[in-house]
Amino acid sequence: MTEQKKIGLIAGYGEFPLLYIKELKSQNFYVCVCAIAEEAGESLKDCADAIAYISVGELGKLIKFFKSENVNEIIMAGKVKKTLMFKKIKPDLKAITLFLSLKDKKDDTILNAICKYLEKEGLIIVPQTKYLHSIFPEQGKLSARKPSSKELADINFGYHAAKLIAGADIGQTAVIKDSSVMALEAIEGTDETILRGGKLACGGAVVVKVNKPEQDLRFDIPAVGSGTLDAMNDSGCVCLAFEKNTIIINKQEFIKKSNDYGIAVYVI
């Protein structure tokens, strides 16, 4: 029998951590999960080989856990809301030292600093794409319904708007109607942006999600899933567009739900 290779996974919110754990186990990895308690679900316990729950800011516990499991390669999967930084968290000394060294609090600044800190401890963060196979879509429509000419015009407008905020490391999603911006993503995250923009548009809005101009493949690759479509349906949005190097969570379920909702899905 081939010996299992150990790998670490830092798990945040959403379905992506579960999807990734299942993919890793199908490749015969022994998966050690360090789950962010404020974000990650209890269902991770059922599929991880080893698991520890830590709070945001407990960097020392994270390092200790992975070292105790003899892990040196780690993947980040799932969201950790930036708003947690502004709540009553209790960072440990390692986290305090790291945060005091930051030049700003942009997502990329924080995540790059964490990666460098972990590397000094012998823990290497690898690209999220390294062990994922056949998860990225081809260009063109994914749904049964094609975007209308009006929706395609809004996709083009929204693409440029979303790229502007992505380049500034602010957000990656724009909600558009009639070539007007209804909402741009900031700290609240994609789903809340969709709900806000869709309601302001009073129906008929287009959602566009993009990559950052220099996307770091170790973290925050754009992802869409059932929750994205639920937010769109709840707020009356009718079309979703995203770039081809976007992760689709549970692709078949995603496509079926888009058809059930009548939402056009287009890969740029």
C-alpha atoms as a PDB file:
ATOM      1  CA  MET A   1       0.000   0.000   0.000  1.00  0.00           C
ATOM      2  CA  THR A   2       1.244   3.492  -0.895  1.00  0.00           C
ATOM      3  CA  GLU A   3       1.995   5.600   2.164  1.00  0.00           C
ATOM      4  CA  GLN A   4      -0.314   8.595   2.541  1.00  0.00           C
ATOM      5  CA  LYS A   5       1.278  11.999   2.194  1.00  0.00           C
ATOM      6  CA  LYS A   6       0.161  14.532   4.807  1.00  0.00           C
ATOM      7  CA  ILE A   7      -1.137  17.929   3.805  1.00  0.00           C
ATOM      8  CA  GLY A   8      -2.585  20.825   5.781  1.00  0.00           C
ATOM      9  CA  LEU A   9      -5.662  22.874   5.001  1.00  0.00           C
ATOM     10  CA  ILE A  10      -6.734  26.151   6.615  1.00  0.00           C
ATOM     11  CA  ALA A  11     -10.531  26.146   6.356  1.00  0.00           C
ATOM     12  CA  GLY A  12     -12.784  29.171   6.330  1.00  0.00           C
ATOM     13  CA  TYR A  13     -16.440  29.686   5.439  1.00  0.00           C
ATOM     14  CA  GLY A  14     -18.355  28.010   2.627  1.00  0.00           C
ATOM     15  CA  GLU A  15     -18.413  24.776   0.651  1.00  0.00           C
ATOM     16  CA  PHE A  16     -14.932  25.127  -0.849  1.00  0.00           C
ATOM     17  CA  PRO A  17     -13.064  23.550   2.110  1.00  0.00           C
ATOM     18  CA  LEU A  18     -15.296  20.456   1.964  1.00  0.00           C
ATOM     19  CA  LEU A  19     -14.854  20.163  -1.785  1.00  0.00           C
ATOM     20  CA  TYR A  20     -11.094  20.460  -1.450  1.00  0.00           C
ATOM     21  CA  ILE A  21     -10.821  17.927   1.378  1.00  0.00           C
ATOM     22  CA  LYS A  22     -12.773  15.377  -0.679  1.00  0.00           C
ATOM     23  CA  GLU A  23     -10.536  16.021  -3.692  1.00  0.00           C
ATOM     24  CA  LEU A  24      -7.369  15.617  -1.609  1.00  0.00           C
ATOM     25  CA  LYS A  25      -8.608  12.387  -0.039  1.00  0.00           C
ATOM     26  CA  SER A  26      -9.425  11.017  -3.497  1.00  0.00           C
ATOM     27  CA  GLN A  27      -5.714  11.565  -4.249  1.00  0.00           C
ATOM     28  CA  ASN A  28      -4.761   9.559  -1.117  1.00  0.00           C
ATOM     29  CA  PHE A  29      -3.724  12.501   1.062  1.00  0.00           C
ATOM     30  CA  TYR A  30      -3.995  12.456   4.857  1.00  0.00           C
ATOM     31  CA  VAL A  31      -5.705  15.814   5.399  1.00  0.00           C
ATOM     32  CA  CYS A  32      -5.013  17.848   8.545  1.00  0.00           C
ATOM     33  CA  VAL A  33      -7.495  20.708   8.864  1.00  0.00           C
ATOM     34  CA  CYS A  34      -7.059  23.837  10.932  1.00  0.00           C
ATOM     35  CA  ALA A  35     -10.550  25.351  10.893  1.00  0.00           C
ATOM     36  CA  ILE A  36     -11.349  28.974  11.703  1.00  0.00           C
ATOM     37  CA  ALA A  37     -13.961  28.558  14.448  1.00  0.00           C
ATOM     38  CA  GLU A  38     -15.869  31.752  13.607  1.00  0.00           C
ATOM     39  CA  GLU A  39     -16.338  30.638   9.987  1.00  0.00           C
ATOM     40  CA  ALA A  40     -15.921  26.902   9.398  1.00  0.00           C
ATOM     41  CA  GLY A  41     -18.732  24.400   9.839  1.00  0.00           C
ATOM     42  CA  GLU A  42     -18.894  21.319  12.061  1.00  0.00           C
ATOM     43  CA  SER A  43     -19.264  19.081   8.988  1.00  0.00           C
ATOM     44  CA  LEU A  44     -15.499  19.304   8.435  1.00  0.00           C
ATOM     45  CA  LYS A  45     -15.062  16.874  11.336  1.00  0.00           C
ATOM     46  CA  ASP A  46     -16.687  14.131   9.272  1.00  0.00           C
ATOM     47  CA  CYS A  47     -14.157  14.243   6.431  1.00  0.00           C
ATOM     48  CA  ALA A  48     -10.865  15.518   7.901  1.00  0.00           C
ATOM     49  CA  ASP A  49      -8.297  12.976   9.104  1.00  0.00           C
ATOM     50  CA  ALA A  50      -7.174  15.384  11.839  1.00  0.00           C
ATOM     51  CA  ILE A  51      -8.784  18.671  12.819  1.00  0.00           C
ATOM     52  CA  ALA A  52      -8.331  21.581  15.201  1.00  0.00           C
ATOM     53  CA  TYR A  53     -10.600  24.603  15.578  1.00  0.00           C
ATOM     54  CA  ILE A  54      -8.898  27.923  16.299  1.00  0.00           C
ATOM     55  CA  SER A  55     -10.139  31.492  16.573  1.00  0.00           C
ATOM     56  CA  VAL A  56      -9.059  34.312  14.281  1.00  0.00           C
ATOM     57  CA  GLY A  57      -5.768  35.650  15.631  1.00  0.00           C
ATOM     58  CA  GLU A  58      -4.545  32.371  17.154  1.00  0.00           C
ATOM     59  CA  LEU A  59      -1.570  32.078  14.824  1.00  0.00           C
ATOM     60  CA  GLY A  60       0.523  30.248  17.403  1.00  0.00           C
ATOM     61  CA  LYS A  61      -2.079  27.478  17.777  1.00  0.00           C
ATOM     62  CA  LEU A  62      -2.237  27.092  14.000  1.00  0.00           C
ATOM     63  CA  ILE A  63       1.532  26.663  13.746  1.00  0.00           C
ATOM     64  CA  LYS A  64       1.630  24.268  16.713  1.00  0.00           C
ATOM     65  CA  PHE A  65      -1.138  22.087  15.233  1.00  0.00           C
ATOM     66  CA  PHE A  66       0.464  21.696  11.821  1.00  0.00           C
ATOM     67  CA  LYS A  67       3.896  21.021  13.300  1.00  0.00           C
ATOM     68  CA  SER A  68       2.424  18.385  15.625  1.00  0.00           C
ATOM     69  CA  GLU A  69       0.989  16.658  12.544  1.00  0.00           C
ATOM     70  CA  ASN A  70       4.335  16.886  10.676  1.00  0.00           C
ATOM     71  CA  VAL A  71       2.769  18.956   7.909  1.00  0.00           C
ATOM     72  CA  ASN A  72       4.850  21.286   5.768  1.00  0.00           C
ATOM     73  CA  GLU A  73       2.558  21.965   2.788  1.00  0.00           C
ATOM     74  CA  ILE A  74      -0.670  23.908   3.389  1.00  0.00           C
ATOM     75  CA  ILE A  75      -3.644  25.035   1.307  1.00  0.00           C
ATOM     76  CA  MET A  76      -5.983  27.906   2.173  1.00  0.00           C
ATOM     77  CA  ALA A  77      -9.634  27.247   1.304  1.00  0.00           C
ATOM     78  CA  GLY A  78     -12.779  29.187   2.165  1.00  0.00           C
ATOM     79  CA  LYS A  79     -13.520  32.740   3.154  1.00  0.00           C
ATOM     80  CA  VAL A  80     -12.636  34.487   6.387  1.00  0.00           C
ATOM     81  CA  LYS A  81     -14.629  37.689   6.680  1.00  0.00           C
ATOM     82  CA  LYS A  82     -12.403  40.716   7.117  1.00  0.00           C
ATOM     83  CA  THR A  83     -15.030  42.232   9.415  1.00  0.00           C
ATOM     84  CA  LEU A  84     -13.826  39.803  12.106  1.00  0.00           C
ATOM     85  CA  MET A  85     -10.730  41.998  12.440  1.00  0.00           C
ATOM     86  CA  PHE A  86     -12.921  44.780  13.779  1.00  0.00           C
ATOM     87  CA  LYS A  87     -14.673  42.653  16.377  1.00  0.00           C
ATOM     88  CA  LYS A  88     -13.478  41.575  19.809  1.00  0.00           C
ATOM     89  CA  ILE A  89     -10.873  39.022  18.783  1.00  0.00           C
ATOM     90  CA  LYS A  90      -7.967  38.134  21.057  1.00  0.00           C
ATOM     91  CA  PRO A  91      -4.846  37.798  18.896  1.00  0.00           C
ATOM     92  CA  ASP A  92      -1.902  35.921  20.360  1.00  0.00           C
ATOM     93  CA  LEU A  93       1.618  37.345  20.496  1.00  0.00           C
ATOM     94  CA  LYS A  94       2.577  35.946  17.083  1.00  0.00           C
ATOM     95  CA  ALA A  95      -0.499  37.505  15.452  1.00  0.00           C
ATOM     96  CA  ILE A  96       0.060  40.848  17.207  1.00  0.00           C
ATOM     97  CA  THR A  97       3.672  40.916  15.989  1.00  0.00           C
ATOM     98  CA  LEU A  98       2.553  40.169  12.444  1.00  0.00           C
ATOM     99  CA  PHE A  99      -0.247  42.766  12.358  1.00  0.00           C
ATOM    100  CA  LEU A 100       1.960  45.502  13.791  1.00  0.00           C
ATOM    101  CA  SER A 101       4.370  44.946  10.891  1.00  0.00           C
ATOM    102  CA  LEU A 102       1.734  45.544   8.188  1.00  0.00           C
ATOM    103  CA  LYS A 103       1.959  48.677   6.041  1.00  0.00           C
ATOM    104  CA  ASP A 104      -1.827  48.562   5.467  1.00  0.00           C
ATOM    105  CA  LYS A 105      -4.775  46.211   6.048  1.00  0.00           C
ATOM    106  CA  LYS A 106      -5.548  45.243   2.446  1.00  0.00           C
ATOM    107  CA  ASP A 107      -6.432  41.577   1.873  1.00  0.00           C
ATOM    108  CA  ASP A 108      -3.304  40.836  -0.156  1.00  0.00           C
ATOM    109  CA  THR A 109      -1.066  42.603   2.366  1.00  0.00           C
ATOM    110  CA  ILE A 110      -2.454  40.542   5.259  1.00  0.00           C
ATOM    111  CA  LEU A 111      -2.409  37.215   3.417  1.00  0.00           C
ATOM    112  CA  ASN A 112       1.079  37.713   1.986  1.00  0.00           C
ATOM    113  CA  ALA A 113       2.367  38.538   5.468  1.00  0.00           C
ATOM    114  CA  ILE A 114       0.766  35.384   6.893  1.00  0.00           C
ATOM    115  CA  CYS A 115       2.316  33.280   4.110  1.00  0.00           C
ATOM    116  CA  LYS A 116       5.785  34.729   4.741  1.00  0.00           C
ATOM    117  CA  TYR A 117       5.438  34.227   8.506  1.00  0.00           C
ATOM    118  CA  LEU A 118       4.418  30.593   8.058  1.00  0.00           C
ATOM    119  CA  GLU A 119       7.266  29.994   5.602  1.00  0.00           C
ATOM    120  CA  LYS A 120       9.733  31.058   8.302  1.00  0.00           C
ATOM    121  CA  GLU A 121       8.197  28.307  10.446  1.00  0.00           C
ATOM    122  CA  GLY A 122       8.702  25.750   7.665  1.00  0.00           C
ATOM    123  CA  LEU A 123       5.043  25.781   6.577  1.00  0.00           C
ATOM    124  CA  ILE A 124       4.601  26.480   2.854  1.00  0.00           C
ATOM    125  CA  ILE A 125       1.302  27.803   1.456  1.00  0.00           C
ATOM    126  CA  VAL A 126       0.801  26.288  -2.012  1.00  0.00           C
ATOM    127  CA  PRO A 127      -1.494  27.505  -4.841  1.00  0.00           C
ATOM    128  CA  GLN A 128      -5.155  26.576  -4.438  1.00  0.00           C
ATOM    129  CA  THR A 129      -5.020  25.172  -7.963  1.00  0.00           C
ATOM    130  CA  LYS A 130      -2.200  22.685  -7.277  1.00  0.00           C
ATOM    131  CA  TYR A 131      -4.350  19.642  -6.486  1.00  0.00           C
ATOM    132  CA  LEU A 132      -7.642  20.586  -8.134  1.00  0.00           C
ATOM    133  CA  HIS A 133      -8.380  18.794 -11.393  1.00  0.00           C
ATOM    134  CA  SER A 134     -10.952  19.753 -14.046  1.00  0.00           C
ATOM    135  CA  ILE A 135     -12.730  22.264 -11.818  1.00  0.00           C
ATOM    136  CA  PHE A 136     -12.458  25.361 -14.012  1.00  0.00           C
ATOM    137  CA  PRO A 137     -15.091  26.032 -16.727  1.00  0.00           C
ATOM    138  CA  GLU A 138     -14.652  26.709 -20.435  1.00  0.00           C
ATOM    139  CA  GLN A 139     -15.608  30.066 -21.931  1.00  0.00           C
ATOM    140  CA  GLY A 140     -19.187  30.631 -23.066  1.00  0.00           C
ATOM    141  CA  LYS A 141     -22.595  29.975 -21.549  1.00  0.00           C
ATOM    142  CA  LEU A 142     -23.054  27.382 -18.807  1.00  0.00           C
ATOM    143  CA  SER A 143     -26.799  27.774 -18.344  1.00  0.00           C
ATOM    144  CA  ALA A 144     -29.629  26.790 -20.658  1.00  0.00           C
ATOM    145  CA  ARG A 145     -30.467  30.453 -21.196  1.00  0.00           C
ATOM    146  CA  LYS A 146     -28.059  32.685 -23.110  1.00  0.00           C
ATOM    147  CA  PRO A 147     -27.496  36.268 -21.940  1.00  0.00           C
ATOM    148  CA  SER A 148     -29.515  38.779 -23.947  1.00  0.00           C
ATOM    149  CA  SER A 149     -27.775  41.521 -25.941  1.00  0.00           C
ATOM    150  CA  LYS A 150     -28.666  43.960 -23.152  1.00  0.00           C
ATOM    151  CA  GLU A 151     -27.179  41.635 -20.530  1.00  0.00           C
ATOM    152  CA  LEU A 152     -24.021  41.192 -22.621  1.00  0.00           C
ATOM    153  CA  ALA A 153     -23.629  44.974 -22.742  1.00  0.00           C
ATOM    154  CA  ASP A 154     -23.939  45.093 -18.944  1.00  0.00           C
ATOM    155  CA  ILE A 155     -21.387  42.270 -18.637  1.00  0.00           C
ATOM    156  CA  ASN A 156     -18.901  44.303 -20.670  1.00  0.00           C
ATOM    157  CA  PHE A 157     -19.560  47.422 -18.574  1.00  0.00           C
ATOM    158  CA  GLY A 158     -19.398  45.482 -15.314  1.00  0.00           C
ATOM    159  CA  TYR A 159     -16.183  43.709 -16.279  1.00  0.00           C
ATOM    160  CA  HIS A 160     -14.302  47.006 -16.508  1.00  0.00           C
ATOM    161  CA  ALA A 161     -15.875  48.334 -13.287  1.00  0.00           C
ATOM    162  CA  ALA A 162     -15.002  45.153 -11.374  1.00  0.00           C
ATOM    163  CA  LYS A 163     -11.433  45.148 -12.720  1.00  0.00           C
ATOM    164  CA  LEU A 164     -10.935  48.672 -11.341  1.00  0.00           C
ATOM    165  CA  ILE A 165     -11.815  47.696  -7.769  1.00  0.00           C
ATOM    166  CA  ALA A 166      -9.978  44.369  -8.097  1.00  0.00           C
ATOM    167  CA  GLY A 167      -6.827  46.218  -9.121  1.00  0.00           C
ATOM    168  CA  ALA A 168      -7.101  48.353  -5.992  1.00  0.00           C
ATOM    169  CA  ASP A 169      -7.591  45.204  -3.819  1.00  0.00           C
ATOM    170  CA  ILE A 170     -11.033  46.417  -2.716  1.00  0.00           C
ATOM    171  CA  GLY A 171     -13.344  43.739  -4.107  1.00  0.00           C
ATOM    172  CA  GLN A 172     -13.996  41.607  -7.185  1.00  0.00           C
ATOM    173  CA  THR A 173     -17.726  41.900  -7.889  1.00  0.00           C
ATOM    174  CA  ALA A 174     -19.888  44.509  -9.626  1.00  0.00           C
ATOM    175  CA  VAL A 175     -23.688  44.602  -9.900  1.00  0.00           C
ATOM    176  CA  ILE A 176     -24.865  46.426 -13.032  1.00  0.00           C
ATOM    177  CA  LYS A 177     -28.148  47.481 -14.635  1.00  0.00           C
ATOM    178  CA  ASP A 178     -28.505  49.470 -17.865  1.00  0.00           C
ATOM    179  CA  SER A 179     -24.760  50.239 -17.846  1.00  0.00           C
ATOM    180  CA  SER A 180     -25.056  51.808 -14.393  1.00  0.00           C
ATOM    181  CA  VAL A 181     -23.309  50.578 -11.259  1.00  0.00           C
ATOM    182  CA  MET A 182     -25.752  49.373  -8.610  1.00  0.00           C
ATOM    183  CA  ALA A 183     -23.107  48.050  -6.190  1.00  0.00           C
ATOM    184  CA  LEU A 184     -19.392  47.345  -5.951  1.00  0.00           C
ATOM    185  CA  GLU A 185     -17.972  44.786  -3.541  1.00  0.00           C
ATOM    186  CA  ALA A 186     -16.044  45.980  -0.502  1.00  0.00           C
ATOM    187  CA  ILE A 187     -15.585  44.431   2.933  1.00  0.00           C
ATOM    188  CA  GLU A 188     -19.089  42.894   3.073  1.00  0.00           C
ATOM    189  CA  GLY A 189     -18.322  40.152   0.518  1.00  0.00           C
ATOM    190  CA  THR A 190     -19.907  38.923  -2.706  1.00  0.00           C
ATOM    191  CA  ASP A 191     -23.314  37.713  -1.522  1.00  0.00           C
ATOM    192  CA  GLU A 192     -24.095  40.875   0.446  1.00  0.00           C
ATOM    193  CA  THR A 193     -23.000  42.983  -2.536  1.00  0.00           C
ATOM    194  CA  ILE A 194     -25.367  41.032  -4.778  1.00  0.00           C
ATOM    195  CA  LEU A 195     -28.273  41.457  -2.350  1.00  0.00           C
ATOM    196  CA  ARG A 196     -27.636  45.183  -2.016  1.00  0.00           C
ATOM    197  CA  GLY A 197     -27.167  45.829  -5.733  1.00  0.00           C
ATOM    198  CA  GLY A 198     -30.028  43.623  -6.835  1.00  0.00           C
ATOM    199  CA  LYS A 199     -32.502  45.341  -4.520  1.00  0.00           C
ATOM    200  CA  LEU A 200     -31.339  48.798  -5.614  1.00  0.00           C
ATOM    201  CA  ALA A 201     -31.836  47.768  -9.244  1.00  0.00           C
ATOM    202  CA  CYS A 202     -35.401  46.584  -8.513  1.00  0.00           C
ATOM    203  CA  GLY A 203     -34.807  43.495 -10.636  1.00  0.00           C
ATOM    204  CA  GLY A 204     -32.976  42.740 -13.860  1.00  0.00           C
ATOM    205  CA  ALA A 205     -29.404  43.315 -12.659  1.00  0.00           C
ATOM    206  CA  VAL A 206     -26.273  41.593 -13.955  1.00  0.00           C
ATOM    207  CA  VAL A 207     -23.528  40.344 -11.609  1.00  0.00           C
ATOM    208  CA  VAL A 208     -19.909  40.299 -12.813  1.00  0.00           C
ATOM    209  CA  LYS A 209     -17.091  38.673 -10.822  1.00  0.00           C
ATOM    210  CA  VAL A 210     -13.434  38.969 -11.889  1.00  0.00           C
ATOM    211  CA  ASN A 211      -9.910  38.018 -10.893  1.00  0.00           C
ATOM    212  CA  LYS A 212      -7.440  40.529  -9.572  1.00  0.00           C
ATOM    213  CA  PRO A 213      -5.009  41.743 -12.277  1.00  0.00           C
ATOM    214  CA  GLU A 214      -2.162  39.893 -10.547  1.00  0.00           C
ATOM    215  CA  GLN A 215      -4.080  37.128  -8.789  1.00  0.00           C
ATOM    216  CA  ASP A 216      -2.073  35.226  -6.179  1.00  0.00           C
ATOM    217  CA  LEU A 217      -3.088  31.601  -6.686  1.00  0.00           C
ATOM    218  CA  ARG A 218      -2.389  30.757  -3.043  1.00  0.00           C
ATOM    219  CA  PHE A 219      -5.495  32.549  -1.819  1.00  0.00           C
ATOM    220  CA  ASP A 220      -8.757  34.218  -2.742  1.00  0.00           C
ATOM    221  CA  ILE A 221      -9.245  32.766  -6.219  1.00  0.00           C
ATOM    222  CA  PRO A 222     -12.792  33.824  -7.214  1.00  0.00           C
ATOM    223  CA  ALA A 223     -15.412  31.173  -6.530  1.00  0.00           C
ATOM    224  CA  VAL A 224     -19.130  30.868  -7.223  1.00  0.00           C
ATOM    225  CA  GLY A 225     -21.645  28.377  -5.898  1.00  0.00           C
ATOM    226  CA  SER A 226     -25.240  27.790  -4.893  1.00  0.00           C
ATOM    227  CA  GLY A 227     -25.085  30.652  -2.391  1.00  0.00           C
ATOM    228  CA  THR A 228     -24.200  33.065  -5.189  1.00  0.00           C
ATOM    229  CA  LEU A 229     -27.277  32.018  -7.151  1.00  0.00           C
ATOM    230  CA  ASP A 230     -29.497  32.143  -4.047  1.00  0.00           C
ATOM    231  CA  ALA A 231     -28.446  35.743  -3.383  1.00  0.00           C
ATOM    232  CA  MET A 232     -29.136  36.625  -7.024  1.00  0.00           C
ATOM    233  CA  ASN A 233     -32.547  34.990  -7.007  1.00  0.00           C
ATOM    234  CA  ASP A 234     -33.496  36.634  -3.707  1.00  0.00           C
ATOM    235  CA  SER A 235     -32.630  40.086  -5.070  1.00  0.00           C
ATOM    236  CA  GLY A 236     -33.923  39.733  -8.628  1.00  0.00           C
ATOM    237  CA  CYS A 237     -30.579  39.515 -10.464  1.00  0.00           C
ATOM    238  CA  VAL A 238     -30.884  37.736 -13.808  1.00  0.00           C
ATOM    239  CA  CYS A 239     -27.391  37.115 -15.188  1.00  0.00           C
ATOM    240  CA  LEU A 240     -24.024  36.064 -13.749  1.00  0.00           C
ATOM    241  CA  ALA A 241     -20.687  36.423 -15.545  1.00  0.00           C
ATOM    242  CA  PHE A 242     -17.225  35.453 -14.338  1.00  0.00           C
ATOM    243  CA  GLU A 243     -13.785  34.680 -15.734  1.00  0.00           C
ATOM    244  CA  LYS A 244     -12.801  31.154 -16.771  1.00  0.00           C
ATOM    245  CA  ASN A 245     -10.271  30.695 -13.943  1.00  0.00           C
ATOM    246  CA  THR A 246     -13.060  30.897 -11.364  1.00  0.00           C
ATOM    247  CA  ILE A 247     -13.821  27.930  -9.123  1.00  0.00           C
ATOM    248  CA  ILE A 248     -17.359  26.552  -9.377  1.00  0.00           C
ATOM    249  CA  ILE A 249     -18.447  24.771  -6.209  1.00  0.00           C
ATOM    250  CA  ASN A 250     -20.414  21.592  -7.049  1.00  0.00           C
ATOM    251  CA  LYS A 251     -20.650  22.433 -10.753  1.00  0.00           C
ATOM    252  CA  GLN A 252     -23.574  20.167 -11.723  1.00  0.00           C
ATOM    253  CA  GLU A 253     -25.713  21.371  -8.819  1.00  0.00           C
ATOM    254  CA  PHE A 254     -24.738  24.950  -9.679  1.00  0.00           C
ATOM    255  CA  ILE A 255     -25.831  24.625 -13.320  1.00  0.00           C
ATOM    256  CA  LYS A 256     -29.106  22.924 -12.364  1.00  0.00           C
ATOM    257  CA  LYS A 257     -29.934  25.670  -9.880  1.00  0.00           C
ATOM    258  CA  SER A 258     -29.144  28.406 -12.413  1.00  0.00           C
ATOM    259  CA  ASN A 259     -31.602  26.790 -14.827  1.00  0.00           C
ATOM    260  CA  ASP A 260     -34.237  26.388 -12.107  1.00  0.00           C
ATOM    261  CA  TYR A 261     -33.914  30.100 -11.310  1.00  0.00           C
ATOM    262  CA  GLY A 262     -33.753  31.138 -14.972  1.00  0.00           C
ATOM    263  CA  ILE A 263     -30.417  32.868 -14.383  1.00  0.00           C
ATOM    264  CA  ALA A 264     -28.090  33.131 -17.380  1.00  0.00           C
ATOM    265  CA  VAL A 265     -24.520  32.109 -16.515  1.00  0.00           C
ATOM    266  CA  TYR A 266     -21.720  33.204 -18.822  1.00  0.00           C
ATOM    267  CA  VAL A 267     -17.981  32.520 -18.604  1.00  0.00           C
ATOM    268  CA  ILE A 268     -15.942  35.455 -19.912  1.00  0.00           C
END
